[in-house]
Amino acid sequence: MMNPENFMRLALEEAKKGDAPYGAVIVKDNQVIARNHNTVKRDSDPSAHAEINVIRSLTARLKNPSLEGYIIYTTGEPCPMCASACVWTGISEIIYGASIEDLVSVNQSQINISCEEVIAQSVRKIKVTKGVLRQECLKLFQ
């Protein structure tokens, strides 16, 4: 049986493949359904964050824009764009390692609005769990 730390380790592995060390894994019924990483530079696409990439690939594969009942694991707290994508898909839970404040502290460019603030202003109730393997996620930036 996989636990949150195991899923976050998969997101950490995914992060090491990207242009910037961010990784995301989507899980349903304790199974990894999709995983992806940041490809902003490779794709010349400022929206190609790990979360957007994994959501795009999964919803295309499912031929359905809804991810209700799915959980997303991310090495870094979703930025406002990624948090909004989670809202629009109806994802059930966001689990992240390093917070936006943590990322700012290691000189990562961020929009300092928490994913919880974005969710609070939306029509959805998305559970947020923070700090899973936080130190390991922060080490990606050293």
C-alpha atoms as a PDB file:
ATOM      1  CA  MET A   1       0.000   0.000   0.000  1.00  0.00           C
ATOM      2  CA  MET A   2       1.442   3.348  -1.064  1.00  0.00           C
ATOM      3  CA  ASN A   3       1.409   6.304   1.349  1.00  0.00           C
ATOM      4  CA  PRO A   4       1.746  10.074   0.779  1.00  0.00           C
ATOM      5  CA  GLU A   5       5.542   9.952   1.216  1.00  0.00           C
ATOM      6  CA  ASN A   6       5.844   7.231  -1.461  1.00  0.00           C
ATOM      7  CA  PHE A   7       3.779   9.272  -3.928  1.00  0.00           C
ATOM      8  CA  MET A   8       5.818  12.409  -3.132  1.00  0.00           C
ATOM      9  CA  ARG A   9       9.036  10.450  -3.806  1.00  0.00           C
ATOM     10  CA  LEU A  10       7.658   9.733  -7.292  1.00  0.00           C
ATOM     11  CA  ALA A  11       6.991  13.467  -7.737  1.00  0.00           C
ATOM     12  CA  LEU A  12      10.590  14.161  -6.610  1.00  0.00           C
ATOM     13  CA  GLU A  13      11.888  11.705  -9.240  1.00  0.00           C
ATOM     14  CA  GLU A  14       9.739  13.407 -11.853  1.00  0.00           C
ATOM     15  CA  ALA A  15      11.027  16.860 -10.809  1.00  0.00           C
ATOM     16  CA  LYS A  16      14.597  15.837 -11.676  1.00  0.00           C
ATOM     17  CA  LYS A  17      13.563  15.360 -15.338  1.00  0.00           C
ATOM     18  CA  GLY A  18      12.326  18.931 -15.837  1.00  0.00           C
ATOM     19  CA  ASP A  19      13.690  22.338 -16.833  1.00  0.00           C
ATOM     20  CA  ALA A  20      13.058  23.495 -13.272  1.00  0.00           C
ATOM     21  CA  PRO A  21      12.848  21.020 -10.390  1.00  0.00           C
ATOM     22  CA  TYR A  22       9.092  20.727 -10.060  1.00  0.00           C
ATOM     23  CA  GLY A  23       7.277  17.407 -10.364  1.00  0.00           C
ATOM     24  CA  ALA A  24       3.652  16.304 -10.118  1.00  0.00           C
ATOM     25  CA  VAL A  25       1.895  12.963  -9.782  1.00  0.00           C
ATOM     26  CA  ILE A  26      -1.866  12.341 -10.000  1.00  0.00           C
ATOM     27  CA  VAL A  27      -3.265   9.444  -7.991  1.00  0.00           C
ATOM     28  CA  LYS A  28      -6.661   7.768  -7.811  1.00  0.00           C
ATOM     29  CA  ASP A  29      -7.612   4.774  -5.662  1.00  0.00           C
ATOM     30  CA  ASN A  30      -4.010   4.548  -4.394  1.00  0.00           C
ATOM     31  CA  GLN A  31      -2.689   4.120  -7.967  1.00  0.00           C
ATOM     32  CA  VAL A  32      -0.449   6.498  -9.930  1.00  0.00           C
ATOM     33  CA  ILE A  33      -2.498   7.558 -12.956  1.00  0.00           C
ATOM     34  CA  ALA A  34      -0.184  10.226 -14.437  1.00  0.00           C
ATOM     35  CA  ARG A  35       3.081  12.015 -13.744  1.00  0.00           C
ATOM     36  CA  ASN A  36       4.903  14.949 -15.307  1.00  0.00           C
ATOM     37  CA  HIS A  37       7.454  17.716 -14.789  1.00  0.00           C
ATOM     38  CA  ASN A  38       8.211  21.311 -15.742  1.00  0.00           C
ATOM     39  CA  THR A  39       8.896  21.916 -19.473  1.00  0.00           C
ATOM     40  CA  VAL A  40       8.709  25.740 -19.636  1.00  0.00           C
ATOM     41  CA  LYS A  41      12.080  26.166 -21.381  1.00  0.00           C
ATOM     42  CA  ARG A  42      11.881  23.052 -23.566  1.00  0.00           C
ATOM     43  CA  ASP A  43       8.418  23.978 -24.855  1.00  0.00           C
ATOM     44  CA  SER A  44       8.906  27.789 -24.791  1.00  0.00           C
ATOM     45  CA  ASP A  45       5.611  27.772 -22.863  1.00  0.00           C
ATOM     46  CA  PRO A  46       5.356  29.780 -19.632  1.00  0.00           C
ATOM     47  CA  SER A  47       2.326  27.703 -18.613  1.00  0.00           C
ATOM     48  CA  ALA A  48       4.153  24.340 -18.881  1.00  0.00           C
ATOM     49  CA  HIS A  49       4.447  23.863 -15.121  1.00  0.00           C
ATOM     50  CA  ALA A  50       4.478  20.289 -13.795  1.00  0.00           C
ATOM     51  CA  GLU A  51       0.885  20.511 -12.557  1.00  0.00           C
ATOM     52  CA  ILE A  52      -0.452  21.931 -15.831  1.00  0.00           C
ATOM     53  CA  ASN A  53       1.460  19.308 -17.827  1.00  0.00           C
ATOM     54  CA  VAL A  54       0.170  16.378 -15.750  1.00  0.00           C
ATOM     55  CA  ILE A  55      -3.417  17.712 -15.785  1.00  0.00           C
ATOM     56  CA  ARG A  56      -3.315  18.308 -19.573  1.00  0.00           C
ATOM     57  CA  SER A  57      -1.951  14.847 -20.324  1.00  0.00           C
ATOM     58  CA  LEU A  58      -4.435  13.074 -18.042  1.00  0.00           C
ATOM     59  CA  THR A  59      -7.576  14.959 -19.094  1.00  0.00           C
ATOM     60  CA  ALA A  60      -6.609  14.429 -22.770  1.00  0.00           C
ATOM     61  CA  ARG A  61      -6.125  10.710 -22.144  1.00  0.00           C
ATOM     62  CA  LEU A  62      -9.446  10.477 -20.243  1.00  0.00           C
ATOM     63  CA  LYS A  63     -11.196  12.704 -22.828  1.00  0.00           C
ATOM     64  CA  ASN A  64     -12.779  14.396 -19.818  1.00  0.00           C
ATOM     65  CA  PRO A  65     -11.905  17.746 -18.180  1.00  0.00           C
ATOM     66  CA  SER A  66     -13.048  16.511 -14.751  1.00  0.00           C
ATOM     67  CA  LEU A  67     -10.580  15.050 -12.260  1.00  0.00           C
ATOM     68  CA  GLU A  68     -13.018  14.689  -9.372  1.00  0.00           C
ATOM     69  CA  GLY A  69     -11.834  11.932  -7.055  1.00  0.00           C
ATOM     70  CA  TYR A  70      -8.177  12.416  -8.012  1.00  0.00           C
ATOM     71  CA  ILE A  71      -5.319  13.645  -5.793  1.00  0.00           C
ATOM     72  CA  ILE A  72      -2.369  15.670  -7.086  1.00  0.00           C
ATOM     73  CA  TYR A  73       1.038  15.483  -5.402  1.00  0.00           C
ATOM     74  CA  THR A  74       3.442  18.326  -6.187  1.00  0.00           C
ATOM     75  CA  THR A  75       6.970  19.042  -5.009  1.00  0.00           C
ATOM     76  CA  GLY A  76       6.143  22.755  -4.739  1.00  0.00           C
ATOM     77  CA  GLU A  77       2.910  24.429  -3.701  1.00  0.00           C
ATOM     78  CA  PRO A  78       0.831  25.098  -6.815  1.00  0.00           C
ATOM     79  CA  CYS A  79       1.147  28.691  -8.034  1.00  0.00           C
ATOM     80  CA  PRO A  80      -2.082  30.642  -8.622  1.00  0.00           C
ATOM     81  CA  MET A  81      -2.245  29.388 -12.253  1.00  0.00           C
ATOM     82  CA  CYS A  82      -1.791  25.747 -11.234  1.00  0.00           C
ATOM     83  CA  ALA A  83      -4.129  26.069  -8.245  1.00  0.00           C
ATOM     84  CA  SER A  84      -6.755  27.507 -10.621  1.00  0.00           C
ATOM     85  CA  ALA A  85      -6.276  24.553 -12.983  1.00  0.00           C
ATOM     86  CA  CYS A  86      -6.895  22.247 -10.013  1.00  0.00           C
ATOM     87  CA  VAL A  87     -10.083  24.176  -9.246  1.00  0.00           C
ATOM     88  CA  TRP A  88     -11.305  23.980 -12.858  1.00  0.00           C
ATOM     89  CA  THR A  89     -10.719  20.200 -12.997  1.00  0.00           C
ATOM     90  CA  GLY A  90     -12.396  19.623  -9.638  1.00  0.00           C
ATOM     91  CA  ILE A  91      -9.404  17.730  -8.268  1.00  0.00           C
ATOM     92  CA  SER A  92     -10.256  16.458  -4.770  1.00  0.00           C
ATOM     93  CA  GLU A  93      -6.983  17.044  -2.927  1.00  0.00           C
ATOM     94  CA  ILE A  94      -3.671  18.865  -3.361  1.00  0.00           C
ATOM     95  CA  ILE A  95      -0.677  17.496  -1.452  1.00  0.00           C
ATOM     96  CA  TYR A  96       2.567  19.458  -1.700  1.00  0.00           C
ATOM     97  CA  GLY A  97       6.066  19.478  -0.263  1.00  0.00           C
ATOM     98  CA  ALA A  98       7.599  22.969  -0.243  1.00  0.00           C
ATOM     99  CA  SER A  99       5.353  26.003   0.229  1.00  0.00           C
ATOM    100  CA  ILE A 100       5.466  29.149  -1.908  1.00  0.00           C
ATOM    101  CA  GLU A 101       7.117  30.903   1.070  1.00  0.00           C
ATOM    102  CA  ASP A 102       9.738  28.113   1.224  1.00  0.00           C
ATOM    103  CA  LEU A 103      10.387  28.546  -2.508  1.00  0.00           C
ATOM    104  CA  VAL A 104      10.734  32.335  -2.159  1.00  0.00           C
ATOM    105  CA  SER A 105      13.282  31.702   0.636  1.00  0.00           C
ATOM    106  CA  VAL A 106      15.498  29.765  -1.835  1.00  0.00           C
ATOM    107  CA  ASN A 107      15.193  32.517  -4.478  1.00  0.00           C
ATOM    108  CA  GLN A 108      12.575  30.873  -6.686  1.00  0.00           C
ATOM    109  CA  SER A 109      10.380  33.355  -8.569  1.00  0.00           C
ATOM    110  CA  GLN A 110       6.855  33.015  -7.229  1.00  0.00           C
ATOM    111  CA  ILE A 111       3.531  34.821  -7.119  1.00  0.00           C
ATOM    112  CA  ASN A 112       3.031  34.961  -3.372  1.00  0.00           C
ATOM    113  CA  ILE A 113      -0.603  33.865  -3.229  1.00  0.00           C
ATOM    114  CA  SER A 114      -1.190  30.503  -1.549  1.00  0.00           C
ATOM    115  CA  CYS A 115      -3.161  27.766  -3.266  1.00  0.00           C
ATOM    116  CA  GLU A 116      -5.512  27.886  -0.268  1.00  0.00           C
ATOM    117  CA  GLU A 117      -6.258  31.560  -1.026  1.00  0.00           C
ATOM    118  CA  VAL A 118      -7.095  30.688  -4.643  1.00  0.00           C
ATOM    119  CA  ILE A 119      -9.316  27.783  -3.544  1.00  0.00           C
ATOM    120  CA  ALA A 120     -11.053  29.958  -0.916  1.00  0.00           C
ATOM    121  CA  GLN A 121     -12.099  32.380  -3.678  1.00  0.00           C
ATOM    122  CA  SER A 122     -13.458  29.565  -5.871  1.00  0.00           C
ATOM    123  CA  VAL A 123     -16.569  27.417  -6.084  1.00  0.00           C
ATOM    124  CA  ARG A 124     -14.701  24.283  -4.912  1.00  0.00           C
ATOM    125  CA  LYS A 125     -13.720  22.758  -1.621  1.00  0.00           C
ATOM    126  CA  ILE A 126     -10.327  21.155  -2.238  1.00  0.00           C
ATOM    127  CA  LYS A 127      -8.472  19.584   0.666  1.00  0.00           C
ATOM    128  CA  VAL A 128      -4.864  20.835   0.944  1.00  0.00           C
ATOM    129  CA  THR A 129      -2.139  18.885   2.744  1.00  0.00           C
ATOM    130  CA  LYS A 130       1.196  20.644   3.042  1.00  0.00           C
ATOM    131  CA  GLY A 131       4.766  19.819   3.973  1.00  0.00           C
ATOM    132  CA  VAL A 132       4.997  16.186   2.808  1.00  0.00           C
ATOM    133  CA  LEU A 133       8.777  15.534   2.414  1.00  0.00           C
ATOM    134  CA  ARG A 134       9.261  19.318   2.601  1.00  0.00           C
ATOM    135  CA  GLN A 135      13.048  19.171   3.174  1.00  0.00           C
ATOM    136  CA  GLU A 136      13.589  16.755   0.275  1.00  0.00           C
ATOM    137  CA  CYS A 137      11.526  19.020  -1.983  1.00  0.00           C
ATOM    138  CA  LEU A 138      13.528  22.089  -0.936  1.00  0.00           C
ATOM    139  CA  LYS A 139      16.822  20.243  -1.601  1.00  0.00           C
ATOM    140  CA  LEU A 140      15.874  20.189  -5.298  1.00  0.00           C
ATOM    141  CA  PHE A 141      16.761  23.904  -5.417  1.00  0.00           C
ATOM    142  CA  GLN A 142      20.250  23.684  -3.866  1.00  0.00           C
END
